[in-house]
């Protein structure tokens, strides 16, 4: 009788350790993808800070492009708002979807701005504009790298939460799937064009 209780006790203890290990593994992976989004967030905020300076610099030269400048500002504000929502909860699929859409709109507006800049040789040669374009290009590269790291962290987390037996623990403790930060429409996949010519 005592031997049976010892065996049951050891089995329960091993089961508790396994459950704790799976739970802790999920927590670790969830925190890793949240941290990875925080790295994206830093770069997005950097870009959002650069855009008003770019618009202000362009404003002095582009008197007849008010609509383009306003659309960039509006798209920037929408993207900033969406990024703040995701920053609060990177596992919120709806917020991530909103951010992807807002970033696509911002990319389109920035592309239109850069095409418009080409028509103003004095603006293209402006040292402030050149500097801002270089900073924006560097920031875009950092965003791409941070997004890649985030998507890898999300993939690792989702794989872990979908594999047996961890999927049972994930379901019991409410570990929901995380969304990738990916652009799905082919025309949205183009990076913001930054020209130095």
C-alpha atoms as a PDB file:
ATOM      1  CA  UNK A   1       0.000   0.000   0.000  1.00  0.00           C
ATOM      2  CA  UNK A   2       2.761   2.473   0.916  1.00  0.00           C
ATOM      3  CA  UNK A   3       4.682   1.555  -2.241  1.00  0.00           C
ATOM      4  CA  UNK A   4       1.586   2.307  -4.369  1.00  0.00           C
ATOM      5  CA  UNK A   5       1.179   5.723  -2.710  1.00  0.00           C
ATOM      6  CA  UNK A   6       4.850   6.493  -3.304  1.00  0.00           C
ATOM      7  CA  UNK A   7       4.557   5.524  -6.983  1.00  0.00           C
ATOM      8  CA  UNK A   8       1.399   7.636  -7.406  1.00  0.00           C
ATOM      9  CA  UNK A   9       3.044  10.538  -5.570  1.00  0.00           C
ATOM     10  CA  UNK A  10       6.142  10.365  -7.790  1.00  0.00           C
ATOM     11  CA  UNK A  11       3.961  10.156 -10.921  1.00  0.00           C
ATOM     12  CA  UNK A  12       1.932  13.203  -9.823  1.00  0.00           C
ATOM     13  CA  UNK A  13       5.129  15.088  -8.994  1.00  0.00           C
ATOM     14  CA  UNK A  14       6.588  14.287 -12.436  1.00  0.00           C
ATOM     15  CA  UNK A  15       3.321  15.351 -14.099  1.00  0.00           C
ATOM     16  CA  UNK A  16       3.325  18.642 -12.174  1.00  0.00           C
ATOM     17  CA  UNK A  17       6.940  19.264 -13.243  1.00  0.00           C
ATOM     18  CA  UNK A  18       6.047  18.559 -16.884  1.00  0.00           C
ATOM     19  CA  UNK A  19       3.038  20.911 -16.777  1.00  0.00           C
ATOM     20  CA  UNK A  20       5.134  23.609 -15.094  1.00  0.00           C
ATOM     21  CA  UNK A  21       7.868  23.168 -17.702  1.00  0.00           C
ATOM     22  CA  UNK A  22       5.396  23.499 -20.587  1.00  0.00           C
ATOM     23  CA  UNK A  23       3.709  26.505 -18.979  1.00  0.00           C
ATOM     24  CA  UNK A  24       7.042  28.223 -18.310  1.00  0.00           C
ATOM     25  CA  UNK A  25       8.170  27.501 -21.874  1.00  0.00           C
ATOM     26  CA  UNK A  26       5.048  29.178 -23.252  1.00  0.00           C
ATOM     27  CA  UNK A  27       5.506  32.186 -20.955  1.00  0.00           C
ATOM     28  CA  UNK A  28       9.126  32.518 -22.068  1.00  0.00           C
ATOM     29  CA  UNK A  29       8.240  32.388 -25.784  1.00  0.00           C
ATOM     30  CA  UNK A  30       5.350  34.831 -25.318  1.00  0.00           C
ATOM     31  CA  UNK A  31       7.663  37.281 -23.572  1.00  0.00           C
ATOM     32  CA  UNK A  32      10.255  36.862 -26.310  1.00  0.00           C
ATOM     33  CA  UNK A  33       7.807  37.824 -29.049  1.00  0.00           C
ATOM     34  CA  UNK A  34       6.537  40.747 -26.967  1.00  0.00           C
ATOM     35  CA  UNK A  35      10.113  41.927 -26.551  1.00  0.00           C
ATOM     36  CA  UNK A  36      10.700  41.466 -30.271  1.00  0.00           C
ATOM     37  CA  UNK A  37       7.726  43.740 -30.977  1.00  0.00           C
ATOM     38  CA  UNK A  38       9.145  46.291 -28.560  1.00  0.00           C
ATOM     39  CA  UNK A  39      12.215  46.430 -30.830  1.00  0.00           C
ATOM     40  CA  UNK A  40       9.974  47.088 -33.842  1.00  0.00           C
ATOM     41  CA  UNK A  41       8.115  49.698 -31.826  1.00  0.00           C
ATOM     42  CA  UNK A  42      11.338  51.611 -31.126  1.00  0.00           C
ATOM     43  CA  UNK A  43      12.123  51.791 -34.842  1.00  0.00           C
ATOM     44  CA  UNK A  44       8.555  52.653 -35.840  1.00  0.00           C
ATOM     45  CA  UNK A  45       8.540  55.522 -33.351  1.00  0.00           C
ATOM     46  CA  UNK A  46      11.852  56.702 -34.789  1.00  0.00           C
ATOM     47  CA  UNK A  47      10.295  56.703 -38.275  1.00  0.00           C
ATOM     48  CA  UNK A  48       7.143  58.437 -37.006  1.00  0.00           C
ATOM     49  CA  UNK A  49       9.371  61.127 -35.475  1.00  0.00           C
ATOM     50  CA  UNK A  50      11.280  61.626 -38.731  1.00  0.00           C
ATOM     51  CA  UNK A  51       8.216  61.991 -40.944  1.00  0.00           C
ATOM     52  CA  UNK A  52       6.988  65.365 -39.576  1.00  0.00           C
ATOM     53  CA  UNK A  53      10.498  66.777 -40.073  1.00  0.00           C
ATOM     54  CA  UNK A  54      10.509  65.474 -43.627  1.00  0.00           C
ATOM     55  CA  UNK A  55       7.078  67.008 -44.285  1.00  0.00           C
ATOM     56  CA  UNK A  56       8.123  70.346 -42.765  1.00  0.00           C
ATOM     57  CA  UNK A  57      11.263  70.430 -44.907  1.00  0.00           C
ATOM     58  CA  UNK A  58       9.261  69.616 -48.024  1.00  0.00           C
ATOM     59  CA  UNK A  59       6.538  72.153 -47.197  1.00  0.00           C
ATOM     60  CA  UNK A  60       8.799  75.096 -47.914  1.00  0.00           C
ATOM     61  CA  UNK A  61       9.444  73.870 -51.451  1.00  0.00           C
ATOM     62  CA  UNK A  62       6.254  72.034 -52.344  1.00  0.00           C
ATOM     63  CA  UNK A  63       3.643  74.779 -52.214  1.00  0.00           C
ATOM     64  CA  UNK A  64       1.354  72.976 -54.669  1.00  0.00           C
ATOM     65  CA  UNK A  65       1.566  69.549 -53.024  1.00  0.00           C
ATOM     66  CA  UNK A  66      -0.520  70.286 -49.927  1.00  0.00           C
ATOM     67  CA  UNK A  67      -2.733  67.221 -50.437  1.00  0.00           C
ATOM     68  CA  UNK A  68       0.293  64.902 -50.617  1.00  0.00           C
ATOM     69  CA  UNK A  69       1.808  66.390 -47.465  1.00  0.00           C
ATOM     70  CA  UNK A  70      -1.497  66.149 -45.599  1.00  0.00           C
ATOM     71  CA  UNK A  71      -1.983  62.514 -46.636  1.00  0.00           C
ATOM     72  CA  UNK A  72       1.486  61.656 -45.299  1.00  0.00           C
ATOM     73  CA  UNK A  73       0.718  63.356 -41.988  1.00  0.00           C
ATOM     74  CA  UNK A  74      -2.663  61.644 -41.705  1.00  0.00           C
ATOM     75  CA  UNK A  75      -1.199  58.215 -42.575  1.00  0.00           C
ATOM     76  CA  UNK A  76       1.610  58.749 -40.056  1.00  0.00           C
ATOM     77  CA  UNK A  77      -0.858  59.591 -37.293  1.00  0.00           C
ATOM     78  CA  UNK A  78      -2.999  56.539 -38.106  1.00  0.00           C
ATOM     79  CA  UNK A  79       0.048  54.262 -38.102  1.00  0.00           C
ATOM     80  CA  UNK A  80       1.299  55.757 -34.834  1.00  0.00           C
ATOM     81  CA  UNK A  81      -2.067  55.093 -33.210  1.00  0.00           C
ATOM     82  CA  UNK A  82      -2.133  51.511 -34.516  1.00  0.00           C
ATOM     83  CA  UNK A  83       1.437  50.893 -33.316  1.00  0.00           C
ATOM     84  CA  UNK A  84       0.534  52.126 -29.836  1.00  0.00           C
ATOM     85  CA  UNK A  85      -2.401  49.676 -29.724  1.00  0.00           C
ATOM     86  CA  UNK A  86      -0.151  46.755 -30.690  1.00  0.00           C
ATOM     87  CA  UNK A  87       2.530  47.909 -28.276  1.00  0.00           C
ATOM     88  CA  UNK A  88       0.004  47.587 -25.460  1.00  0.00           C
ATOM     89  CA  UNK A  89      -0.730  43.960 -26.436  1.00  0.00           C
ATOM     90  CA  UNK A  90       1.370  42.418 -29.252  1.00  0.00           C
ATOM     91  CA  UNK A  91      -0.727  39.246 -29.185  1.00  0.00           C
ATOM     92  CA  UNK A  92      -3.907  41.135 -30.180  1.00  0.00           C
ATOM     93  CA  UNK A  93      -4.608  39.875 -33.708  1.00  0.00           C
ATOM     94  CA  UNK A  94      -7.030  42.690 -34.529  1.00  0.00           C
ATOM     95  CA  UNK A  95      -4.573  45.397 -33.449  1.00  0.00           C
ATOM     96  CA  UNK A  96      -1.790  43.737 -35.470  1.00  0.00           C
ATOM     97  CA  UNK A  97      -4.050  43.632 -38.532  1.00  0.00           C
ATOM     98  CA  UNK A  98      -4.830  47.336 -38.079  1.00  0.00           C
ATOM     99  CA  UNK A  99      -1.111  48.113 -37.823  1.00  0.00           C
ATOM    100  CA  UNK A 100      -0.307  46.187 -41.000  1.00  0.00           C
ATOM    101  CA  UNK A 101      -3.025  48.134 -42.853  1.00  0.00           C
ATOM    102  CA  UNK A 102      -1.903  51.476 -41.420  1.00  0.00           C
ATOM    103  CA  UNK A 103       1.729  50.765 -42.307  1.00  0.00           C
ATOM    104  CA  UNK A 104       0.680  49.923 -45.864  1.00  0.00           C
ATOM    105  CA  UNK A 105      -1.156  53.254 -46.152  1.00  0.00           C
ATOM    106  CA  UNK A 106       1.824  55.103 -44.708  1.00  0.00           C
ATOM    107  CA  UNK A 107       4.157  53.368 -47.157  1.00  0.00           C
ATOM    108  CA  UNK A 108       1.947  54.418 -50.059  1.00  0.00           C
ATOM    109  CA  UNK A 109       1.749  58.017 -48.853  1.00  0.00           C
ATOM    110  CA  UNK A 110       5.532  58.163 -48.329  1.00  0.00           C
ATOM    111  CA  UNK A 111       6.126  56.765 -51.819  1.00  0.00           C
ATOM    112  CA  UNK A 112       3.914  59.494 -53.294  1.00  0.00           C
ATOM    113  CA  UNK A 113       5.831  62.104 -51.308  1.00  0.00           C
ATOM    114  CA  UNK A 114       9.179  60.821 -52.557  1.00  0.00           C
ATOM    115  CA  UNK A 115       7.917  60.841 -56.160  1.00  0.00           C
ATOM    116  CA  UNK A 116       6.763  64.441 -55.654  1.00  0.00           C
ATOM    117  CA  UNK A 117      10.154  65.408 -54.190  1.00  0.00           C
ATOM    118  CA  UNK A 118      11.760  64.363 -57.486  1.00  0.00           C
ATOM    119  CA  UNK A 119      10.004  67.283 -59.200  1.00  0.00           C
ATOM    120  CA  UNK A 120      11.765  69.815 -56.943  1.00  0.00           C
ATOM    121  CA  UNK A 121      15.523  69.892 -57.625  1.00  0.00           C
ATOM    122  CA  UNK A 122      16.190  72.469 -54.902  1.00  0.00           C
ATOM    123  CA  UNK A 123      14.413  70.299 -52.358  1.00  0.00           C
ATOM    124  CA  UNK A 124      16.323  67.199 -53.486  1.00  0.00           C
ATOM    125  CA  UNK A 125      19.573  69.097 -52.984  1.00  0.00           C
ATOM    126  CA  UNK A 126      18.581  70.481 -49.570  1.00  0.00           C
ATOM    127  CA  UNK A 127      21.024  69.160 -46.967  1.00  0.00           C
ATOM    128  CA  UNK A 128      18.307  68.753 -44.349  1.00  0.00           C
ATOM    129  CA  UNK A 129      16.187  66.729 -46.787  1.00  0.00           C
ATOM    130  CA  UNK A 130      19.146  64.537 -47.740  1.00  0.00           C
ATOM    131  CA  UNK A 131      19.945  63.921 -44.077  1.00  0.00           C
ATOM    132  CA  UNK A 132      16.331  63.049 -43.264  1.00  0.00           C
ATOM    133  CA  UNK A 133      16.142  60.678 -46.234  1.00  0.00           C
ATOM    134  CA  UNK A 134      19.330  58.919 -45.091  1.00  0.00           C
ATOM    135  CA  UNK A 135      17.972  58.553 -41.555  1.00  0.00           C
ATOM    136  CA  UNK A 136      14.663  57.299 -42.913  1.00  0.00           C
ATOM    137  CA  UNK A 137      16.408  54.721 -45.126  1.00  0.00           C
ATOM    138  CA  UNK A 138      18.490  53.477 -42.175  1.00  0.00           C
ATOM    139  CA  UNK A 139      15.372  53.284 -40.020  1.00  0.00           C
ATOM    140  CA  UNK A 140      13.531  51.302 -42.711  1.00  0.00           C
ATOM    141  CA  UNK A 141      16.381  48.776 -42.695  1.00  0.00           C
ATOM    142  CA  UNK A 142      16.206  48.489 -38.903  1.00  0.00           C
ATOM    143  CA  UNK A 143      12.426  47.998 -39.057  1.00  0.00           C
ATOM    144  CA  UNK A 144      12.861  45.179 -41.566  1.00  0.00           C
ATOM    145  CA  UNK A 145      15.412  43.434 -39.342  1.00  0.00           C
ATOM    146  CA  UNK A 146      13.289  43.896 -36.213  1.00  0.00           C
ATOM    147  CA  UNK A 147      10.201  42.637 -38.047  1.00  0.00           C
ATOM    148  CA  UNK A 148      12.075  39.536 -39.134  1.00  0.00           C
ATOM    149  CA  UNK A 149      13.109  38.829 -35.515  1.00  0.00           C
ATOM    150  CA  UNK A 150       9.538  39.411 -34.319  1.00  0.00           C
ATOM    151  CA  UNK A 151       8.075  37.066 -36.917  1.00  0.00           C
ATOM    152  CA  UNK A 152      10.578  34.373 -35.927  1.00  0.00           C
ATOM    153  CA  UNK A 153       9.698  34.772 -32.244  1.00  0.00           C
ATOM    154  CA  UNK A 154       5.973  34.586 -33.073  1.00  0.00           C
ATOM    155  CA  UNK A 155       6.532  31.473 -35.190  1.00  0.00           C
ATOM    156  CA  UNK A 156       8.465  29.775 -32.378  1.00  0.00           C
ATOM    157  CA  UNK A 157       5.709  30.637 -29.898  1.00  0.00           C
ATOM    158  CA  UNK A 158       2.905  29.454 -32.203  1.00  0.00           C
ATOM    159  CA  UNK A 159       4.706  26.179 -32.953  1.00  0.00           C
ATOM    160  CA  UNK A 160       5.174  25.533 -29.246  1.00  0.00           C
ATOM    161  CA  UNK A 161       1.554  26.291 -28.378  1.00  0.00           C
ATOM    162  CA  UNK A 162       0.246  24.107 -31.224  1.00  0.00           C
ATOM    163  CA  UNK A 163       2.309  20.986 -30.487  1.00  0.00           C
ATOM    164  CA  UNK A 164       1.151  18.130 -28.314  1.00  0.00           C
ATOM    165  CA  UNK A 165       1.060  18.003 -25.286  1.00  0.00           C
ATOM    166  CA  UNK A 166       1.819  21.719 -24.835  1.00  0.00           C
ATOM    167  CA  UNK A 167      -1.361  22.588 -26.748  1.00  0.00           C
ATOM    168  CA  UNK A 168      -3.366  21.232 -23.808  1.00  0.00           C
ATOM    169  CA  UNK A 169      -1.569  23.526 -21.365  1.00  0.00           C
ATOM    170  CA  UNK A 170      -1.891  26.447 -23.819  1.00  0.00           C
ATOM    171  CA  UNK A 171      -5.653  25.876 -24.025  1.00  0.00           C
ATOM    172  CA  UNK A 172      -6.102  25.548 -20.277  1.00  0.00           C
ATOM    173  CA  UNK A 173      -4.120  28.689 -19.470  1.00  0.00           C
ATOM    174  CA  UNK A 174      -5.383  30.819 -22.382  1.00  0.00           C
ATOM    175  CA  UNK A 175      -2.249  31.165 -24.507  1.00  0.00           C
ATOM    176  CA  UNK A 176      -3.784  32.547 -27.689  1.00  0.00           C
ATOM    177  CA  UNK A 177      -2.079  32.449 -31.095  1.00  0.00           C
ATOM    178  CA  UNK A 178       0.102  35.426 -31.998  1.00  0.00           C
ATOM    179  CA  UNK A 179      -0.077  37.173 -35.370  1.00  0.00           C
ATOM    180  CA  UNK A 180       2.876  37.727 -37.652  1.00  0.00           C
ATOM    181  CA  UNK A 181       3.713  41.266 -38.707  1.00  0.00           C
ATOM    182  CA  UNK A 182       3.544  40.596 -42.412  1.00  0.00           C
ATOM    183  CA  UNK A 183       2.390  42.451 -45.459  1.00  0.00           C
ATOM    184  CA  UNK A 184       0.012  40.348 -47.510  1.00  0.00           C
ATOM    185  CA  UNK A 185      -0.878  42.450 -50.557  1.00  0.00           C
ATOM    186  CA  UNK A 186       1.837  42.352 -53.259  1.00  0.00           C
ATOM    187  CA  UNK A 187       1.683  46.120 -53.903  1.00  0.00           C
ATOM    188  CA  UNK A 188       2.235  46.751 -50.177  1.00  0.00           C
ATOM    189  CA  UNK A 189       5.459  44.712 -50.132  1.00  0.00           C
ATOM    190  CA  UNK A 190       7.459  47.475 -51.779  1.00  0.00           C
ATOM    191  CA  UNK A 191       9.612  49.432 -49.369  1.00  0.00           C
ATOM    192  CA  UNK A 192       9.287  53.164 -49.059  1.00  0.00           C
ATOM    193  CA  UNK A 193      11.339  54.630 -51.889  1.00  0.00           C
ATOM    194  CA  UNK A 194      14.024  56.970 -50.642  1.00  0.00           C
ATOM    195  CA  UNK A 195      16.025  58.626 -53.373  1.00  0.00           C
ATOM    196  CA  UNK A 196      19.363  60.389 -53.018  1.00  0.00           C
ATOM    197  CA  UNK A 197      19.725  61.499 -56.639  1.00  0.00           C
END
